[in-house]
Protein backbone atom coordinates (compact mmCIF):
# COMPACT_ATOMS: atom_id res chain seq x y z
CA MET A 1 116.96 178.70 3.84
CA ASN A 2 116.05 182.22 2.79
CA ASP A 3 112.50 182.79 1.55
CA ALA A 4 113.11 186.44 0.74
CA PRO A 5 113.35 187.43 -2.92
CA ASP A 6 116.78 188.33 -4.22
CA LEU A 7 116.47 192.10 -4.59
CA ASP A 8 119.08 194.05 -6.50
CA THR A 9 120.12 196.54 -3.82
CA PRO A 10 123.68 197.58 -4.75
CA ASP A 11 123.58 200.80 -2.72
CA LEU A 12 122.97 198.98 0.58
CA ASP A 13 126.27 198.39 2.34
CA THR A 14 126.20 196.13 5.39
CA ALA A 15 128.86 198.35 7.00
CA ASP A 16 126.20 201.09 7.15
CA LEU A 17 124.21 198.91 9.58
CA GLU A 18 126.65 199.86 12.33
CA THR A 19 125.51 203.50 12.30
CA PRO A 20 122.29 203.73 10.31
CA ASP A 21 121.27 207.25 9.36
CA LEU A 22 118.38 208.83 7.46
CA ALA A 23 120.11 208.46 4.09
CA PHE A 24 120.74 204.74 4.65
CA ALA A 25 117.21 204.19 5.98
CA ARG A 26 115.78 205.86 2.87
CA LYS A 27 117.77 203.42 0.73
CA VAL A 28 116.25 200.54 2.70
CA LEU A 29 112.75 201.96 2.13
CA ALA A 30 113.50 202.41 -1.58
CA ALA A 31 114.49 198.72 -1.74
CA GLN A 32 110.96 197.70 -0.65
CA PRO A 33 108.85 197.33 -3.81
CA PHE A 34 105.56 197.60 -1.89
CA SER A 35 106.65 200.84 -0.20
CA VAL A 36 107.65 202.24 -3.59
CA LEU A 37 104.26 201.22 -5.02
CA LEU A 38 102.49 203.13 -2.23
CA GLY A 39 104.77 206.15 -2.54
CA THR A 40 105.89 206.00 1.09
CA ARG A 41 108.42 208.56 2.31
CA LEU A 42 110.69 208.31 5.34
CA VAL A 43 110.73 211.85 6.75
CA SER A 44 112.62 211.26 10.01
CA PHE A 45 114.86 208.55 11.39
CA GLY A 46 117.03 208.64 14.50
CA ASP A 47 117.20 208.74 18.28
CA GLY A 48 114.73 205.89 18.70
CA GLU A 49 112.10 207.37 16.40
CA ALA A 50 110.99 207.14 12.78
CA THR A 51 108.24 208.83 10.78
CA LEU A 52 106.76 207.62 7.51
CA GLU A 53 104.31 209.53 5.34
CA LEU A 54 102.26 208.73 2.29
CA ASP A 55 99.76 210.66 0.26
CA ILE A 56 96.20 209.40 0.53
CA ARG A 57 94.98 208.46 -2.95
CA GLU A 58 91.71 206.97 -4.13
CA GLU A 59 93.40 203.61 -4.69
CA LEU A 60 94.16 203.39 -0.95
CA ARG A 61 90.56 203.79 0.17
CA GLN A 62 87.95 201.17 0.96
CA GLN A 63 84.29 201.18 -0.15
CA TYR A 64 83.19 203.89 2.34
CA GLY A 65 85.93 206.30 1.28
CA TYR A 66 88.18 205.77 4.31
CA VAL A 67 91.83 204.73 4.07
CA HIS A 68 91.88 200.93 4.02
CA GLY A 69 92.89 199.32 7.31
CA GLY A 70 95.57 197.34 5.48
CA VAL A 71 97.27 200.59 4.49
CA LEU A 72 97.20 201.79 8.11
CA SER A 73 98.55 198.44 9.25
CA TYR A 74 101.35 198.53 6.65
CA ALA A 75 102.35 202.05 7.74
CA ALA A 76 102.39 201.07 11.42
CA ASP A 77 104.37 197.89 10.74
CA ASN A 78 107.03 199.69 8.73
CA ALA A 79 107.29 202.68 11.09
CA LEU A 80 107.66 200.39 14.13
CA THR A 81 110.44 198.48 12.42
CA PHE A 82 112.26 201.58 11.20
CA ALA A 83 112.12 203.05 14.73
CA ALA A 84 113.66 199.84 16.07
CA GLY A 85 116.34 200.14 13.41
CA THR A 86 117.54 203.37 15.01
CA ALA A 87 118.37 201.47 18.21
CA SER A 88 120.50 198.65 16.78
CA GLY A 89 122.97 198.01 14.00
CA SER A 90 121.27 194.68 13.30
CA SER A 91 118.58 194.20 10.69
CA PRO A 92 115.12 194.60 12.26
CA LEU A 93 112.14 192.42 11.33
CA THR A 94 108.66 192.60 12.79
CA ALA A 95 107.99 189.79 15.28
CA GLY A 96 104.40 190.88 15.85
CA PHE A 97 102.23 193.90 16.48
CA THR A 98 98.73 194.96 17.39
CA ILE A 99 96.81 197.88 16.02
CA ASP A 100 93.73 199.66 17.33
CA TYR A 101 91.68 201.66 14.84
CA LEU A 102 90.28 204.68 16.69
CA ARG A 103 88.37 206.46 13.92
CA PRO A 104 88.07 206.33 10.14
CA ALA A 105 91.15 207.69 8.37
CA THR A 106 90.39 210.52 5.96
CA GLY A 107 92.43 213.45 4.71
CA GLU A 108 95.27 214.07 2.31
CA LEU A 109 98.27 212.60 4.15
CA LEU A 110 98.85 209.57 6.37
CA ARG A 111 101.64 209.90 8.94
CA ALA A 112 103.01 207.02 11.03
CA GLN A 113 105.22 208.16 13.92
CA ALA A 114 106.92 205.36 15.83
CA LYS A 115 109.12 205.38 18.91
CA VAL A 116 111.21 202.78 20.69
CA ILE A 117 109.86 202.06 24.17
CA ARG A 118 112.58 199.60 25.11
CA ALA A 119 115.40 198.09 23.09
CA GLY A 120 117.33 195.03 24.14
CA ARG A 121 120.05 193.04 22.45
CA THR A 122 117.71 190.88 20.33
CA ARG A 123 114.32 192.66 20.44
CA ALA A 124 112.74 196.07 20.76
CA VAL A 125 109.24 197.14 21.74
CA CYS A 126 107.91 200.16 19.88
CA ARG A 127 104.72 202.24 19.71
CA CYS A 128 103.24 204.06 16.76
CA GLU A 129 100.62 206.76 16.31
CA LEU A 130 98.90 207.02 12.95
CA THR A 131 97.45 210.38 12.08
CA THR A 132 95.89 211.86 9.01
CA VAL A 133 96.42 215.44 7.91
CA ASP A 134 93.70 217.32 6.05
CA GLY A 135 94.06 220.16 3.53
CA ASP A 136 94.15 222.76 6.33
CA GLY A 137 96.99 220.96 8.14
CA VAL A 138 94.74 219.61 10.91
CA GLU A 139 96.02 216.30 12.30
CA THR A 140 93.63 213.59 13.48
CA LEU A 141 94.71 210.52 15.40
CA CYS A 142 93.12 207.50 13.70
CA ALA A 143 95.05 204.46 15.02
CA VAL A 144 97.71 203.35 17.48
CA ALA A 145 99.96 200.30 17.31
CA GLN A 146 102.51 198.53 19.45
CA GLY A 147 104.90 195.86 18.33
CA ALA A 148 107.90 193.68 19.03
CA ILE A 149 110.77 193.87 16.59
CA SER A 150 113.50 191.21 16.38
CA TYR A 151 117.06 192.02 15.40
CA THR A 152 118.11 189.41 12.87
CA GLY A 153 121.63 190.52 11.96
CA THR A 154 122.97 189.84 8.51
CA SER A 155 124.31 186.74 6.84
CA ASN A 156 126.24 186.21 3.63
CA GLY A 157 126.31 189.95 2.97
CA GLU A 158 122.50 190.05 2.86
CA VAL A 159 120.81 193.21 4.04
CA ARG A 160 117.27 192.96 5.32
CA GLY A 161 115.14 196.07 5.48
CA ALA A 162 112.31 197.11 7.70
CA SER A 163 109.18 194.99 7.87
C-alpha cells in the first residue's frame, strides 16, 4: 500500500534514476510541494554531495527572530537524501537522522551542504553542515546533521523523490 499522494510529475522518467544529474534532481525537488513553498533551490548535485539553499524570510523565523529549527531540520533532511541520491540509481528516502543546533541561525541565506560518508547497496550514511550567509557573504555554521538513507527503488513506474 502506498501512502504517498499521487503527484502529477510527468517530467520525471524512471530511466533517469540510472544516472541522476543536476537537471533530474532539480525536477525531483520541484515535485516536492513543501520545497516549492519554501523556495528551496538545489545548487549542486553529484559526486556524493548535494547543496540546497533557501532565502531566509520572516515567515521562516521563530519568536526570537532566528530561523525555526524545523526549517533547519527540513533542509538537513532533504540535503542528506539528495546527497545519497548521487550514489545510487534507486530512490532514496530518509530512514532517520540526528541534528545538533550549534548556534541560532540568522542571516539572509540558509545553505545545507551534505556529503555521502558511506554508501552501500541498500543504505547510505551522510553528513550535512548547515550554514547561514549574511549580507556581507560571511558564512556561519549553525547546525550539523547525520543520517541514514534507504534506497527504496521504484515500483509500478512510481518515482520517489528526496525526503
